[in-house]
Amino acid sequence: MNDYFIIDTHPAYKNIAIAAGFSGHGFKFASAVGETLSELATTGKSALDLSAFKISRFQ
């Protein structure tokens, strides 16, 4: 599960959206990630289930 990307808001600053860990194959997901980041930045949530991509999974 830790091999997944990180797509989340910053734990302390909810107005900061984060996407990381895409390496060489992330370009395939650019449109979906961009849409998701725009949702997070404007509304603070996404229409998609992002539970697998949370920063908190490393704690």
C-alpha atoms as a PDB file:
ATOM      1  CA  MET A   1       0.000   0.000   0.000  1.00  0.00           C
ATOM      2  CA  ASN A   2       2.898   2.388   0.577  1.00  0.00           C
ATOM      3  CA  ASP A   3       3.752   2.191  -3.114  1.00  0.00           C
ATOM      4  CA  TYR A   4       0.816   4.423  -4.001  1.00  0.00           C
ATOM      5  CA  PHE A   5       1.113   8.112  -4.740  1.00  0.00           C
ATOM      6  CA  ILE A   6       0.445  10.771  -2.133  1.00  0.00           C
ATOM      7  CA  ILE A   7      -2.601  12.885  -2.953  1.00  0.00           C
ATOM      8  CA  ASP A   8      -3.814  14.787   0.074  1.00  0.00           C
ATOM      9  CA  THR A   9      -3.985  18.116   1.819  1.00  0.00           C
ATOM     10  CA  HIS A  10      -1.203  19.193   4.165  1.00  0.00           C
ATOM     11  CA  PRO A  11      -1.924  17.942   7.712  1.00  0.00           C
ATOM     12  CA  ALA A  12      -1.443  21.372   9.307  1.00  0.00           C
ATOM     13  CA  TYR A  13      -2.458  23.633   6.411  1.00  0.00           C
ATOM     14  CA  LYS A  14      -5.637  22.414   4.731  1.00  0.00           C
ATOM     15  CA  ASN A  15      -5.340  25.069   2.012  1.00  0.00           C
ATOM     16  CA  ILE A  16      -2.255  23.287   0.601  1.00  0.00           C
ATOM     17  CA  ALA A  17      -2.872  20.324  -1.703  1.00  0.00           C
ATOM     18  CA  ILE A  18      -0.029  17.830  -2.187  1.00  0.00           C
ATOM     19  CA  ALA A  19       0.659  15.302  -4.927  1.00  0.00           C
ATOM     20  CA  ALA A  20       3.925  13.348  -4.861  1.00  0.00           C
ATOM     21  CA  GLY A  21       5.608  10.057  -5.663  1.00  0.00           C
ATOM     22  CA  PHE A  22       4.804   9.793  -9.347  1.00  0.00           C
ATOM     23  CA  SER A  23       8.274   8.864 -10.571  1.00  0.00           C
ATOM     24  CA  GLY A  24       8.381   7.985 -14.276  1.00  0.00           C
ATOM     25  CA  HIS A  25       4.861   6.637 -14.728  1.00  0.00           C
ATOM     26  CA  GLY A  26       2.895   9.471 -13.176  1.00  0.00           C
ATOM     27  CA  PHE A  27       2.371  11.286 -16.468  1.00  0.00           C
ATOM     28  CA  LYS A  28      -0.325   8.746 -17.331  1.00  0.00           C
ATOM     29  CA  PHE A  29      -2.400  10.023 -14.449  1.00  0.00           C
ATOM     30  CA  ALA A  30      -1.808  13.756 -14.953  1.00  0.00           C
ATOM     31  CA  SER A  31      -5.360  14.666 -15.955  1.00  0.00           C
ATOM     32  CA  ALA A  32      -6.986  12.739 -13.092  1.00  0.00           C
ATOM     33  CA  VAL A  33      -4.474  14.037 -10.537  1.00  0.00           C
ATOM     34  CA  GLY A  34      -4.907  17.596 -11.805  1.00  0.00           C
ATOM     35  CA  GLU A  35      -8.672  17.390 -11.472  1.00  0.00           C
ATOM     36  CA  THR A  36      -8.371  15.894  -7.993  1.00  0.00           C
ATOM     37  CA  LEU A  37      -5.901  18.582  -6.864  1.00  0.00           C
ATOM     38  CA  SER A  38      -8.195  21.308  -8.153  1.00  0.00           C
ATOM     39  CA  GLU A  39     -11.067  19.811  -6.132  1.00  0.00           C
ATOM     40  CA  LEU A  40      -8.895  19.633  -3.009  1.00  0.00           C
ATOM     41  CA  ALA A  41      -7.680  23.202  -3.471  1.00  0.00           C
ATOM     42  CA  THR A  42     -11.119  24.687  -4.059  1.00  0.00           C
ATOM     43  CA  THR A  43     -13.416  22.591  -1.843  1.00  0.00           C
ATOM     44  CA  GLY A  44     -11.074  20.683   0.498  1.00  0.00           C
ATOM     45  CA  LYS A  45     -12.402  17.310  -0.656  1.00  0.00           C
ATOM     46  CA  SER A  46     -12.551  15.150  -3.764  1.00  0.00           C
ATOM     47  CA  ALA A  47     -15.337  13.217  -5.448  1.00  0.00           C
ATOM     48  CA  LEU A  48     -12.949  10.239  -5.435  1.00  0.00           C
ATOM     49  CA  ASP A  49     -12.042   8.024  -2.479  1.00  0.00           C
ATOM     50  CA  LEU A  50      -8.475   9.123  -1.686  1.00  0.00           C
ATOM     51  CA  SER A  51      -8.027   7.031   1.467  1.00  0.00           C
ATOM     52  CA  ALA A  52      -5.270   4.915  -0.131  1.00  0.00           C
ATOM     53  CA  PHE A  53      -3.328   8.073  -0.999  1.00  0.00           C
ATOM     54  CA  LYS A  54      -3.368   9.839   2.412  1.00  0.00           C
ATOM     55  CA  ILE A  55      -0.175  11.182   3.955  1.00  0.00           C
ATOM     56  CA  SER A  56      -1.251   9.760   7.318  1.00  0.00           C
ATOM     57  CA  ARG A  57      -0.766   6.171   6.119  1.00  0.00           C
ATOM     58  CA  PHE A  58       2.941   6.533   6.976  1.00  0.00           C
ATOM     59  CA  GLN A  59       2.291   7.280  10.660  1.00  0.00           C
END
